[in-house]
């Protein structure tokens, strides 16, 4: 696969744990829509795409659209951080960079001891 949004959509559907019929019905696309979409390699229209990714969940939707994998906790963190005012966001970014630098420094110290 080329790892396009459509490839990631198919991967997410196959990795979901529910069968394609269940996903189709939950997305209100008809019982065989997802199976036929994959079989025929046919891209869904935007309305069906949105319903399918909503069924798959927010973290899967983000990955399908961007190619970046985030956990539900990552998305919750981003949603919370997005509510901060601009100055507080800058302060938070500075704090997290400091924390990361300390972690990296500690990891390098441990590596040099080996």
N, C-alpha and C. Protein backbone atom coordinates (compact mmCIF):
# COMPACT_ATOMS: atom_id res chain seq x y z
N UNK A 1 0.83 -1.19 0.00
CA UNK A 1 0.00 0.00 0.00
C UNK A 1 0.87 1.25 0.00
N UNK A 2 0.36 2.30 -0.61
CA UNK A 2 1.08 3.56 -0.68
C UNK A 2 0.94 4.38 0.59
N UNK A 3 0.11 3.95 1.49
CA UNK A 3 -0.18 4.63 2.75
C UNK A 3 -0.85 5.98 2.54
N UNK A 4 -1.82 5.98 1.64
CA UNK A 4 -2.66 7.15 1.44
C UNK A 4 -3.76 7.13 2.49
N UNK A 5 -4.58 8.19 2.53
CA UNK A 5 -5.68 8.22 3.50
C UNK A 5 -6.60 7.01 3.29
N UNK A 6 -6.80 6.62 2.04
CA UNK A 6 -7.68 5.48 1.76
C UNK A 6 -7.05 4.18 2.27
N UNK A 7 -5.75 4.03 2.07
CA UNK A 7 -5.04 2.86 2.60
C UNK A 7 -5.15 2.81 4.12
N UNK A 8 -4.98 3.98 4.76
CA UNK A 8 -5.07 4.02 6.22
C UNK A 8 -6.50 3.73 6.69
N UNK A 9 -7.49 4.16 5.92
CA UNK A 9 -8.88 3.85 6.25
C UNK A 9 -9.11 2.35 6.22
N UNK A 10 -8.65 1.70 5.18
CA UNK A 10 -8.80 0.25 5.06
C UNK A 10 -8.07 -0.46 6.21
N UNK A 11 -6.85 -0.02 6.50
CA UNK A 11 -6.09 -0.62 7.61
C UNK A 11 -6.85 -0.47 8.93
N UNK A 12 -7.41 0.71 9.16
CA UNK A 12 -8.15 0.95 10.41
C UNK A 12 -9.39 0.07 10.50
N UNK A 13 -10.07 -0.09 9.39
CA UNK A 13 -11.27 -0.95 9.36
C UNK A 13 -10.87 -2.39 9.68
N UNK A 14 -9.82 -2.88 9.04
CA UNK A 14 -9.39 -4.27 9.25
C UNK A 14 -8.86 -4.50 10.65
N UNK A 15 -8.27 -3.47 11.26
CA UNK A 15 -7.71 -3.60 12.61
C UNK A 15 -8.72 -3.34 13.71
N UNK A 16 -9.90 -2.93 13.34
CA UNK A 16 -10.90 -2.48 14.31
C UNK A 16 -11.38 -3.57 15.27
N UNK A 17 -11.47 -4.79 14.81
CA UNK A 17 -11.97 -5.86 15.66
C UNK A 17 -13.43 -6.19 15.40
N UNK A 18 -14.16 -5.24 14.85
CA UNK A 18 -15.53 -5.51 14.44
C UNK A 18 -15.52 -5.93 12.97
N UNK A 19 -16.52 -6.69 12.58
CA UNK A 19 -16.57 -7.08 11.17
C UNK A 19 -17.06 -5.89 10.34
N UNK A 20 -16.85 -6.00 9.04
CA UNK A 20 -17.17 -4.90 8.13
C UNK A 20 -18.66 -4.58 8.12
N UNK A 21 -19.48 -5.58 8.26
CA UNK A 21 -20.93 -5.37 8.30
C UNK A 21 -21.32 -4.52 9.50
N UNK A 22 -20.74 -4.83 10.65
CA UNK A 22 -21.04 -4.07 11.87
C UNK A 22 -20.63 -2.61 11.72
N UNK A 23 -19.46 -2.38 11.14
CA UNK A 23 -19.00 -1.01 10.92
C UNK A 23 -19.92 -0.30 9.94
N UNK A 24 -20.29 -0.99 8.86
CA UNK A 24 -21.22 -0.41 7.87
C UNK A 24 -22.53 0.00 8.50
N UNK A 25 -23.10 -0.88 9.29
CA UNK A 25 -24.38 -0.59 9.93
C UNK A 25 -24.26 0.54 10.95
N UNK A 26 -23.18 0.52 11.72
CA UNK A 26 -22.98 1.58 12.71
C UNK A 26 -22.83 2.94 12.04
N UNK A 27 -22.23 2.95 10.83
CA UNK A 27 -22.04 4.19 10.08
C UNK A 27 -23.27 4.56 9.25
N UNK A 28 -24.30 3.73 9.33
CA UNK A 28 -25.55 3.95 8.57
C UNK A 28 -25.27 4.05 7.07
N UNK A 29 -24.44 3.12 6.60
CA UNK A 29 -24.07 3.08 5.18
C UNK A 29 -24.67 1.90 4.44
N UNK A 30 -25.45 1.09 5.09
CA UNK A 30 -25.97 -0.13 4.49
C UNK A 30 -25.10 -1.29 4.90
N UNK A 31 -25.65 -2.49 4.95
CA UNK A 31 -24.95 -3.64 5.54
C UNK A 31 -23.67 -4.06 4.84
N UNK A 32 -23.55 -3.86 3.54
CA UNK A 32 -22.37 -4.34 2.82
C UNK A 32 -21.50 -3.23 2.26
N UNK A 33 -21.77 -1.99 2.65
CA UNK A 33 -21.06 -0.86 2.05
C UNK A 33 -19.55 -0.95 2.24
N UNK A 34 -19.09 -1.14 3.47
CA UNK A 34 -17.65 -1.15 3.74
C UNK A 34 -16.98 -2.30 3.00
N UNK A 35 -17.58 -3.47 3.02
CA UNK A 35 -17.01 -4.62 2.31
C UNK A 35 -16.89 -4.32 0.81
N UNK A 36 -17.93 -3.77 0.21
CA UNK A 36 -17.90 -3.46 -1.22
C UNK A 36 -16.91 -2.34 -1.52
N UNK A 37 -16.83 -1.35 -0.65
CA UNK A 37 -15.89 -0.25 -0.82
C UNK A 37 -14.46 -0.78 -0.91
N UNK A 38 -14.13 -1.70 0.00
CA UNK A 38 -12.79 -2.27 0.01
C UNK A 38 -12.58 -3.19 -1.18
N UNK A 39 -13.55 -4.05 -1.43
CA UNK A 39 -13.44 -5.00 -2.54
C UNK A 39 -13.26 -4.29 -3.88
N UNK A 40 -14.05 -3.23 -4.09
CA UNK A 40 -14.01 -2.50 -5.37
C UNK A 40 -12.97 -1.38 -5.37
N UNK A 41 -12.27 -1.19 -4.24
CA UNK A 41 -11.26 -0.14 -4.13
C UNK A 41 -11.87 1.23 -4.49
N UNK A 42 -13.08 1.47 -3.97
CA UNK A 42 -13.83 2.68 -4.29
C UNK A 42 -13.84 3.63 -3.10
N UNK A 43 -13.39 4.85 -3.33
CA UNK A 43 -13.35 5.85 -2.26
C UNK A 43 -14.77 6.26 -1.88
N UNK A 44 -15.03 6.37 -0.58
CA UNK A 44 -16.36 6.79 -0.15
C UNK A 44 -16.55 8.29 -0.39
N UNK A 45 -17.80 8.70 -0.53
CA UNK A 45 -18.10 10.12 -0.56
C UNK A 45 -17.84 10.72 0.81
N UNK A 46 -17.75 12.02 0.88
CA UNK A 46 -17.39 12.68 2.14
C UNK A 46 -18.38 12.37 3.26
N UNK A 47 -19.66 12.31 2.96
CA UNK A 47 -20.63 12.03 4.02
C UNK A 47 -20.45 10.64 4.60
N UNK A 48 -20.24 9.66 3.75
CA UNK A 48 -20.02 8.29 4.25
C UNK A 48 -18.65 8.17 4.92
N UNK A 49 -17.65 8.83 4.37
CA UNK A 49 -16.32 8.82 4.98
C UNK A 49 -16.40 9.33 6.41
N UNK A 50 -17.07 10.44 6.60
CA UNK A 50 -17.20 11.03 7.94
C UNK A 50 -17.91 10.07 8.88
N UNK A 51 -18.97 9.44 8.41
CA UNK A 51 -19.71 8.50 9.27
C UNK A 51 -18.84 7.30 9.63
N UNK A 52 -18.06 6.81 8.67
CA UNK A 52 -17.20 5.64 8.95
C UNK A 52 -16.11 6.00 9.95
N UNK A 53 -15.41 7.12 9.75
CA UNK A 53 -14.33 7.46 10.68
C UNK A 53 -14.89 7.81 12.06
N UNK A 54 -16.10 8.35 12.12
CA UNK A 54 -16.71 8.59 13.43
C UNK A 54 -16.95 7.28 14.16
N UNK A 55 -17.33 6.25 13.44
CA UNK A 55 -17.53 4.93 14.04
C UNK A 55 -16.19 4.36 14.51
N UNK A 56 -15.13 4.60 13.76
CA UNK A 56 -13.82 4.07 14.11
C UNK A 56 -13.20 4.79 15.31
N UNK A 57 -13.59 6.03 15.54
CA UNK A 57 -13.10 6.77 16.70
C UNK A 57 -12.15 7.90 16.33
N UNK A 58 -12.01 8.84 17.26
CA UNK A 58 -11.24 10.06 17.00
C UNK A 58 -9.77 9.81 16.71
N UNK A 59 -9.13 8.94 17.47
CA UNK A 59 -7.69 8.71 17.23
C UNK A 59 -7.46 8.06 15.88
N UNK A 60 -8.34 7.15 15.49
CA UNK A 60 -8.22 6.52 14.16
C UNK A 60 -8.50 7.53 13.07
N UNK A 61 -9.50 8.39 13.27
CA UNK A 61 -9.82 9.43 12.29
C UNK A 61 -8.62 10.35 12.07
N UNK A 62 -7.98 10.75 13.16
CA UNK A 62 -6.81 11.62 13.06
C UNK A 62 -5.71 10.93 12.26
N UNK A 63 -5.47 9.66 12.55
CA UNK A 63 -4.44 8.91 11.83
C UNK A 63 -4.79 8.76 10.35
N UNK A 64 -6.02 8.45 10.06
CA UNK A 64 -6.45 8.29 8.67
C UNK A 64 -6.22 9.59 7.90
N UNK A 65 -6.59 10.71 8.50
CA UNK A 65 -6.49 11.99 7.81
C UNK A 65 -5.06 12.53 7.71
N UNK A 66 -4.26 12.31 8.73
CA UNK A 66 -2.93 12.94 8.76
C UNK A 66 -1.76 11.99 8.58
N UNK A 67 -1.98 10.71 8.84
CA UNK A 67 -0.89 9.76 8.82
C UNK A 67 -0.13 9.71 10.14
N UNK A 68 -0.52 10.54 11.09
CA UNK A 68 0.13 10.59 12.41
C UNK A 68 -0.72 9.79 13.41
N UNK A 69 -0.08 8.87 14.08
CA UNK A 69 -0.79 8.05 15.06
C UNK A 69 -0.78 8.75 16.41
N UNK A 70 -1.95 8.96 16.96
CA UNK A 70 -2.12 9.52 18.30
C UNK A 70 -3.07 8.64 19.08
N UNK A 71 -2.79 8.53 20.36
CA UNK A 71 -3.70 7.76 21.22
C UNK A 71 -4.87 8.65 21.63
N UNK A 72 -5.86 8.04 22.23
CA UNK A 72 -6.99 8.82 22.76
C UNK A 72 -6.50 9.79 23.83
N UNK A 73 -5.49 9.38 24.62
CA UNK A 73 -4.93 10.26 25.64
C UNK A 73 -4.24 11.47 25.00
N UNK A 74 -3.53 11.24 23.89
CA UNK A 74 -2.90 12.34 23.16
C UNK A 74 -3.94 13.35 22.68
N UNK A 75 -5.03 12.83 22.12
CA UNK A 75 -6.09 13.72 21.63
C UNK A 75 -6.76 14.48 22.77
N UNK A 76 -6.93 13.82 23.91
CA UNK A 76 -7.51 14.51 25.07
C UNK A 76 -6.58 15.63 25.53
N UNK A 77 -5.29 15.34 25.53
CA UNK A 77 -4.29 16.34 25.91
C UNK A 77 -4.36 17.54 24.96
N UNK A 78 -4.40 17.28 23.66
CA UNK A 78 -4.48 18.36 22.68
C UNK A 78 -5.76 19.17 22.83
N UNK A 79 -6.87 18.49 23.05
CA UNK A 79 -8.14 19.19 23.21
C UNK A 79 -8.11 20.09 24.44
N UNK A 80 -7.50 19.61 25.51
CA UNK A 80 -7.40 20.41 26.72
C UNK A 80 -6.46 21.59 26.50
N UNK A 81 -5.31 21.34 25.91
CA UNK A 81 -4.33 22.40 25.66
C UNK A 81 -4.88 23.46 24.72
N UNK A 82 -5.71 23.07 23.78
CA UNK A 82 -6.25 24.03 22.82
C UNK A 82 -7.17 25.05 23.48
N UNK A 83 -7.63 24.77 24.68
CA UNK A 83 -8.52 25.68 25.39
C UNK A 83 -7.76 26.75 26.18
N UNK A 84 -6.44 26.61 26.25
CA UNK A 84 -5.64 27.59 26.99
C UNK A 84 -5.51 28.88 26.19
N UNK A 85 -5.30 29.99 26.91
CA UNK A 85 -5.04 31.25 26.20
C UNK A 85 -3.63 31.19 25.60
N UNK A 86 -3.34 32.07 24.67
CA UNK A 86 -2.09 32.01 23.90
C UNK A 86 -0.85 32.11 24.79
N UNK A 87 -0.86 32.97 25.77
CA UNK A 87 0.32 33.11 26.65
C UNK A 87 0.54 31.84 27.46
N UNK A 88 -0.52 31.26 27.96
CA UNK A 88 -0.38 30.02 28.73
C UNK A 88 0.10 28.89 27.84
N UNK A 89 -0.34 28.84 26.58
CA UNK A 89 0.15 27.83 25.64
C UNK A 89 1.67 27.96 25.47
N UNK A 90 2.16 29.19 25.32
CA UNK A 90 3.61 29.41 25.16
C UNK A 90 4.36 28.93 26.39
N UNK A 91 3.82 29.22 27.57
CA UNK A 91 4.45 28.78 28.81
C UNK A 91 4.45 27.26 28.92
N UNK A 92 3.34 26.64 28.52
CA UNK A 92 3.24 25.18 28.57
C UNK A 92 4.24 24.54 27.62
N UNK A 93 4.37 25.08 26.42
CA UNK A 93 5.33 24.55 25.45
C UNK A 93 6.74 24.65 26.03
N UNK A 94 7.06 25.77 26.62
CA UNK A 94 8.39 25.95 27.24
C UNK A 94 8.61 24.92 28.34
N UNK A 95 7.61 24.72 29.18
CA UNK A 95 7.72 23.72 30.25
C UNK A 95 7.95 22.33 29.69
N UNK A 96 7.18 21.94 28.67
CA UNK A 96 7.32 20.61 28.10
C UNK A 96 8.67 20.42 27.41
N UNK A 97 9.18 21.46 26.78
CA UNK A 97 10.52 21.36 26.17
C UNK A 97 11.58 21.15 27.23
N UNK A 98 11.44 21.83 28.35
CA UNK A 98 12.38 21.65 29.46
C UNK A 98 12.32 20.22 29.99
N UNK A 99 11.13 19.70 30.15
CA UNK A 99 10.96 18.32 30.62
C UNK A 99 11.60 17.35 29.64
N UNK A 100 11.35 17.55 28.35
CA UNK A 100 11.94 16.66 27.33
C UNK A 100 13.46 16.73 27.33
N UNK A 101 14.01 17.92 27.46
CA UNK A 101 15.47 18.06 27.51
C UNK A 101 16.05 17.30 28.70
N UNK A 102 15.38 17.37 29.85
CA UNK A 102 15.84 16.63 31.03
C UNK A 102 15.77 15.13 30.81
N UNK A 103 14.67 14.67 30.19
CA UNK A 103 14.54 13.24 29.90
C UNK A 103 15.64 12.78 28.96
N UNK A 104 15.89 13.56 27.92
CA UNK A 104 16.93 13.19 26.96
C UNK A 104 18.30 13.17 27.61
N UNK A 105 18.56 14.14 28.48
CA UNK A 105 19.84 14.20 29.19
C UNK A 105 20.00 12.99 30.10
N UNK A 106 18.94 12.62 30.80
CA UNK A 106 18.99 11.44 31.68
C UNK A 106 19.20 10.17 30.87
N UNK A 107 18.54 10.07 29.73
CA UNK A 107 18.69 8.89 28.89
C UNK A 107 20.11 8.79 28.35
N UNK A 108 20.69 9.91 27.97
CA UNK A 108 22.07 9.91 27.48
C UNK A 108 23.05 9.52 28.59
N UNK A 109 22.77 9.99 29.81
CA UNK A 109 23.62 9.62 30.94
C UNK A 109 23.57 8.11 31.19
N UNK A 110 22.38 7.54 31.10
CA UNK A 110 22.23 6.10 31.30
C UNK A 110 22.94 5.32 30.19
N UNK A 111 22.84 5.81 28.96
CA UNK A 111 23.49 5.15 27.83
C UNK A 111 25.01 5.20 27.97
N UNK A 112 25.54 6.30 28.47
CA UNK A 112 26.99 6.42 28.59
C UNK A 112 27.54 5.55 29.72
N UNK A 113 26.67 5.19 30.68
CA UNK A 113 27.11 4.32 31.78
C UNK A 113 27.24 2.88 31.33
N UNK A 114 26.54 2.51 30.24
CA UNK A 114 26.57 1.12 29.76
C UNK A 114 27.81 0.79 29.04
